[in-house]
Amino acid sequence: MWDSAIQWLIIIVAVLVLFGSTKKIPDFARNLGRATGEFKRGQVELESELKKAMYGKPETPKENEVNYIEAAKNLGIDTTNKTQEQLVKEISDKFKNSGQ
């Protein structure tokens, strides 16, 4: 009888109107949205930690982060046994030398 999510939503709104004030409905919806967002963020973080623990692979760089290893490889710089600082210096030197 109550298979659809819309029917459940109508029931919830009716109960809120009967037992609570209509001013509380936006607050309830806002808090429900925040709780859902927190749950999803926690789920993504947990999945990331599990993958990291299981496979031992470092996470991929974030959207605005620079992947210096990939950049150095694209410029033809050898990346074996070099720190990020060394790669940054070599990339910088490569750009300085190419501008002359």
N, C-alpha and C. Protein backbone atom coordinates (compact mmCIF):
# COMPACT_ATOMS: atom_id res chain seq x y z
N MET A 1 0.83 -1.19 0.00
CA MET A 1 0.00 0.00 0.00
C MET A 1 0.87 1.26 0.00
N TRP A 2 1.96 1.28 0.79
CA TRP A 2 2.82 2.45 0.88
C TRP A 2 4.16 2.14 0.26
N ASP A 3 4.15 1.90 -1.04
CA ASP A 3 5.36 1.51 -1.74
C ASP A 3 6.19 2.70 -2.22
N SER A 4 5.55 3.76 -2.56
CA SER A 4 6.23 4.90 -3.17
C SER A 4 6.85 5.82 -2.11
N ALA A 5 7.99 6.39 -2.46
CA ALA A 5 8.65 7.33 -1.56
C ALA A 5 7.82 8.61 -1.41
N ILE A 6 7.09 8.98 -2.45
CA ILE A 6 6.24 10.18 -2.39
C ILE A 6 5.12 9.97 -1.37
N GLN A 7 4.57 8.79 -1.31
CA GLN A 7 3.51 8.51 -0.34
C GLN A 7 4.06 8.62 1.08
N TRP A 8 5.28 8.12 1.30
CA TRP A 8 5.89 8.23 2.62
C TRP A 8 6.18 9.69 2.95
N LEU A 9 6.60 10.46 1.97
CA LEU A 9 6.87 11.87 2.19
C LEU A 9 5.59 12.61 2.59
N ILE A 10 4.49 12.28 1.94
CA ILE A 10 3.20 12.91 2.27
C ILE A 10 2.81 12.57 3.70
N ILE A 11 3.02 11.32 4.11
CA ILE A 11 2.69 10.91 5.47
C ILE A 11 3.56 11.67 6.48
N ILE A 12 4.85 11.78 6.21
CA ILE A 12 5.74 12.47 7.12
C ILE A 12 5.36 13.94 7.25
N VAL A 13 5.07 14.59 6.14
CA VAL A 13 4.68 16.00 6.17
C VAL A 13 3.36 16.16 6.94
N ALA A 14 2.42 15.25 6.72
CA ALA A 14 1.14 15.32 7.43
C ALA A 14 1.35 15.18 8.94
N VAL A 15 2.21 14.26 9.34
CA VAL A 15 2.48 14.07 10.78
C VAL A 15 3.16 15.30 11.35
N LEU A 16 4.10 15.88 10.61
CA LEU A 16 4.76 17.09 11.08
C LEU A 16 3.79 18.25 11.23
N VAL A 17 2.88 18.36 10.30
CA VAL A 17 1.91 19.45 10.36
C VAL A 17 0.96 19.24 11.54
N LEU A 18 0.54 18.00 11.78
CA LEU A 18 -0.39 17.72 12.86
C LEU A 18 0.26 17.87 14.23
N PHE A 19 1.48 17.38 14.41
CA PHE A 19 2.10 17.36 15.72
C PHE A 19 3.14 18.46 15.94
N GLY A 20 3.56 19.09 14.90
CA GLY A 20 4.52 20.18 15.02
C GLY A 20 4.00 21.38 14.26
N SER A 21 4.72 22.45 14.32
CA SER A 21 4.27 23.62 13.59
C SER A 21 4.84 23.59 12.17
N THR A 22 4.23 24.34 11.30
CA THR A 22 4.71 24.38 9.91
C THR A 22 6.05 25.09 9.82
N LYS A 23 6.40 25.86 10.81
CA LYS A 23 7.69 26.55 10.81
C LYS A 23 8.85 25.57 11.02
N LYS A 24 8.57 24.40 11.58
CA LYS A 24 9.61 23.42 11.85
C LYS A 24 9.93 22.56 10.63
N ILE A 25 9.08 22.57 9.62
CA ILE A 25 9.30 21.73 8.44
C ILE A 25 10.58 22.14 7.70
N PRO A 26 10.82 23.43 7.41
CA PRO A 26 12.09 23.79 6.75
C PRO A 26 13.32 23.44 7.59
N ASP A 27 13.21 23.62 8.91
CA ASP A 27 14.32 23.23 9.78
C ASP A 27 14.57 21.73 9.71
N PHE A 28 13.51 20.97 9.73
CA PHE A 28 13.64 19.52 9.63
C PHE A 28 14.29 19.12 8.31
N ALA A 29 13.85 19.72 7.21
CA ALA A 29 14.40 19.40 5.89
C ALA A 29 15.88 19.80 5.82
N ARG A 30 16.22 20.96 6.37
CA ARG A 30 17.60 21.43 6.37
C ARG A 30 18.50 20.47 7.17
N ASN A 31 18.03 20.08 8.35
CA ASN A 31 18.81 19.17 9.19
C ASN A 31 18.93 17.80 8.54
N LEU A 32 17.88 17.36 7.86
CA LEU A 32 17.94 16.08 7.16
C LEU A 32 18.96 16.14 6.03
N GLY A 33 19.00 17.25 5.31
CA GLY A 33 19.98 17.43 4.23
C GLY A 33 21.41 17.45 4.76
N ARG A 34 21.61 18.14 5.88
CA ARG A 34 22.95 18.18 6.48
C ARG A 34 23.38 16.79 6.94
N ALA A 35 22.47 16.07 7.56
CA ALA A 35 22.79 14.72 8.04
C ALA A 35 23.12 13.80 6.88
N THR A 36 22.38 13.93 5.80
CA THR A 36 22.66 13.11 4.61
C THR A 36 24.03 13.44 4.03
N GLY A 37 24.35 14.72 3.95
CA GLY A 37 25.66 15.14 3.44
C GLY A 37 26.79 14.63 4.31
N GLU A 38 26.64 14.73 5.63
CA GLU A 38 27.66 14.21 6.54
C GLU A 38 27.84 12.72 6.39
N PHE A 39 26.73 12.01 6.23
CA PHE A 39 26.80 10.56 6.05
C PHE A 39 27.57 10.22 4.78
N LYS A 40 27.27 10.91 3.69
CA LYS A 40 27.96 10.63 2.43
C LYS A 40 29.45 10.96 2.51
N ARG A 41 29.79 12.08 3.15
CA ARG A 41 31.20 12.43 3.32
C ARG A 41 31.93 11.38 4.14
N GLY A 42 31.29 10.93 5.21
CA GLY A 42 31.88 9.90 6.03
C GLY A 42 32.06 8.59 5.28
N GLN A 43 31.08 8.27 4.45
CA GLN A 43 31.15 7.04 3.65
C GLN A 43 32.30 7.11 2.65
N VAL A 44 32.47 8.23 1.98
CA VAL A 44 33.55 8.40 1.02
C VAL A 44 34.91 8.33 1.73
N GLU A 45 35.00 8.97 2.89
CA GLU A 45 36.25 8.95 3.64
C GLU A 45 36.59 7.53 4.11
N LEU A 46 35.59 6.80 4.57
CA LEU A 46 35.80 5.43 5.02
C LEU A 46 36.25 4.54 3.87
N GLU A 47 35.60 4.67 2.72
CA GLU A 47 35.99 3.88 1.55
C GLU A 47 37.42 4.21 1.13
N SER A 48 37.79 5.46 1.18
CA SER A 48 39.15 5.87 0.83
C SER A 48 40.16 5.26 1.78
N GLU A 49 39.87 5.31 3.07
CA GLU A 49 40.79 4.74 4.06
C GLU A 49 40.90 3.23 3.89
N LEU A 50 39.79 2.56 3.60
CA LEU A 50 39.83 1.11 3.40
C LEU A 50 40.66 0.74 2.18
N LYS A 51 40.48 1.47 1.09
CA LYS A 51 41.27 1.20 -0.12
C LYS A 51 42.75 1.44 0.14
N LYS A 52 43.05 2.49 0.87
CA LYS A 52 44.43 2.82 1.18
C LYS A 52 45.05 1.72 2.05
N ALA A 53 44.28 1.21 3.01
CA ALA A 53 44.79 0.16 3.89
C ALA A 53 44.93 -1.17 3.16
N MET A 54 44.00 -1.46 2.26
CA MET A 54 44.02 -2.75 1.56
C MET A 54 45.10 -2.80 0.49
N TYR A 55 45.22 -1.77 -0.29
CA TYR A 55 46.11 -1.80 -1.44
C TYR A 55 47.43 -1.09 -1.20
N GLY A 56 47.49 -0.26 -0.19
CA GLY A 56 48.73 0.45 0.12
C GLY A 56 49.14 1.46 -0.92
N LYS A 57 48.24 1.80 -1.83
CA LYS A 57 48.56 2.78 -2.87
C LYS A 57 48.24 4.17 -2.36
N PRO A 58 49.07 5.13 -2.69
CA PRO A 58 48.75 6.50 -2.31
C PRO A 58 47.55 7.00 -3.11
N GLU A 59 46.83 7.91 -2.51
CA GLU A 59 45.68 8.48 -3.21
C GLU A 59 46.15 9.32 -4.38
N THR A 60 45.29 9.44 -5.37
CA THR A 60 45.61 10.29 -6.51
C THR A 60 45.58 11.75 -6.07
N PRO A 61 46.32 12.61 -6.72
CA PRO A 61 46.31 14.01 -6.32
C PRO A 61 44.92 14.62 -6.44
N LYS A 62 44.65 15.55 -5.57
CA LYS A 62 43.35 16.23 -5.61
C LYS A 62 43.29 17.09 -6.85
N GLU A 63 42.12 17.66 -7.09
CA GLU A 63 41.88 18.39 -8.34
C GLU A 63 42.87 19.53 -8.56
N ASN A 64 43.17 20.31 -7.52
CA ASN A 64 44.04 21.47 -7.68
C ASN A 64 45.50 21.18 -7.33
N GLU A 65 45.82 19.95 -6.95
CA GLU A 65 47.18 19.59 -6.61
C GLU A 65 47.98 19.27 -7.87
N VAL A 66 49.26 19.57 -7.82
CA VAL A 66 50.14 19.29 -8.94
C VAL A 66 50.77 17.93 -8.73
N ASN A 67 50.75 17.09 -9.74
CA ASN A 67 51.41 15.79 -9.69
C ASN A 67 52.80 15.99 -10.29
N TYR A 68 53.78 16.24 -9.42
CA TYR A 68 55.12 16.57 -9.88
C TYR A 68 55.80 15.42 -10.59
N ILE A 69 55.51 14.20 -10.18
CA ILE A 69 56.12 13.04 -10.83
C ILE A 69 55.66 12.96 -12.28
N GLU A 70 54.37 13.12 -12.49
CA GLU A 70 53.82 13.07 -13.86
C GLU A 70 54.35 14.24 -14.68
N ALA A 71 54.41 15.42 -14.09
CA ALA A 71 54.92 16.60 -14.82
C ALA A 71 56.38 16.40 -15.21
N ALA A 72 57.17 15.85 -14.29
CA ALA A 72 58.59 15.63 -14.59
C ALA A 72 58.75 14.60 -15.70
N LYS A 73 57.97 13.55 -15.65
CA LYS A 73 58.05 12.53 -16.70
C LYS A 73 57.69 13.13 -18.06
N ASN A 74 56.67 13.99 -18.08
CA ASN A 74 56.26 14.63 -19.35
C ASN A 74 57.35 15.56 -19.90
N LEU A 75 58.19 16.09 -19.00
CA LEU A 75 59.27 16.97 -19.44
C LEU A 75 60.55 16.20 -19.73
N GLY A 76 60.52 14.89 -19.55
CA GLY A 76 61.69 14.07 -19.83
C GLY A 76 62.70 14.04 -18.70
N ILE A 77 62.26 14.29 -17.49
CA ILE A 77 63.15 14.28 -16.33
C ILE A 77 63.04 12.91 -15.65
N ASP A 78 64.18 12.35 -15.30
CA ASP A 78 64.21 11.06 -14.60
C ASP A 78 63.72 11.27 -13.17
N THR A 79 62.73 10.48 -12.72
CA THR A 79 62.12 10.68 -11.42
C THR A 79 62.54 9.65 -10.37
N THR A 80 63.37 8.70 -10.72
CA THR A 80 63.71 7.64 -9.78
C THR A 80 64.52 8.18 -8.61
N ASN A 81 64.09 7.78 -7.40
CA ASN A 81 64.77 8.12 -6.14
C ASN A 81 64.95 9.61 -5.92
N LYS A 82 63.96 10.42 -6.33
CA LYS A 82 64.04 11.86 -6.13
C LYS A 82 62.86 12.31 -5.28
N THR A 83 63.13 13.27 -4.42
CA THR A 83 62.06 13.82 -3.58
C THR A 83 61.25 14.83 -4.39
N GLN A 84 60.14 15.22 -3.81
CA GLN A 84 59.29 16.19 -4.49
C GLN A 84 60.03 17.52 -4.64
N GLU A 85 60.81 17.90 -3.64
CA GLU A 85 61.55 19.16 -3.72
C GLU A 85 62.57 19.13 -4.85
N GLN A 86 63.24 17.98 -5.02
CA GLN A 86 64.20 17.85 -6.10
C GLN A 86 63.51 17.95 -7.46
N LEU A 87 62.35 17.32 -7.56
CA LEU A 87 61.60 17.38 -8.82
C LEU A 87 61.15 18.79 -9.14
N VAL A 88 60.68 19.50 -8.11
CA VAL A 88 60.24 20.89 -8.32
C VAL A 88 61.40 21.73 -8.81
N LYS A 89 62.59 21.55 -8.22
CA LYS A 89 63.76 22.32 -8.63
C LYS A 89 64.15 21.99 -10.07
N GLU A 90 64.14 20.71 -10.43
CA GLU A 90 64.50 20.33 -11.80
C GLU A 90 63.48 20.83 -12.81
N ILE A 91 62.21 20.78 -12.46
CA ILE A 91 61.16 21.30 -13.36
C ILE A 91 61.35 22.80 -13.55
N SER A 92 61.61 23.50 -12.44
CA SER A 92 61.83 24.94 -12.50
C SER A 92 63.05 25.27 -13.37
N ASP A 93 64.14 24.53 -13.15
CA ASP A 93 65.34 24.74 -13.96
C ASP A 93 65.08 24.48 -15.43
N LYS A 94 64.30 23.46 -15.71
CA LYS A 94 63.99 23.11 -17.12
C LYS A 94 63.25 24.27 -17.79
N PHE A 95 62.27 24.86 -17.06
CA PHE A 95 61.54 25.99 -17.63
C PHE A 95 62.41 27.22 -17.78
N LYS A 96 63.31 27.46 -16.83
CA LYS A 96 64.21 28.61 -16.92
C LYS A 96 65.15 28.47 -18.11
N ASN A 97 65.67 27.27 -18.32
CA ASN A 97 66.59 27.03 -19.42
C ASN A 97 65.89 27.07 -20.78
N SER A 98 64.63 26.68 -20.82
CA SER A 98 63.92 26.68 -22.11
C SER A 98 63.53 28.10 -22.53
N GLY A 99 63.48 29.04 -21.58
CA GLY A 99 63.11 30.42 -21.91
C GLY A 99 64.26 31.23 -22.45
N GLN A 100 65.48 30.72 -22.38
CA GLN A 100 66.65 31.50 -22.81
C GLN A 100 66.90 31.39 -24.27
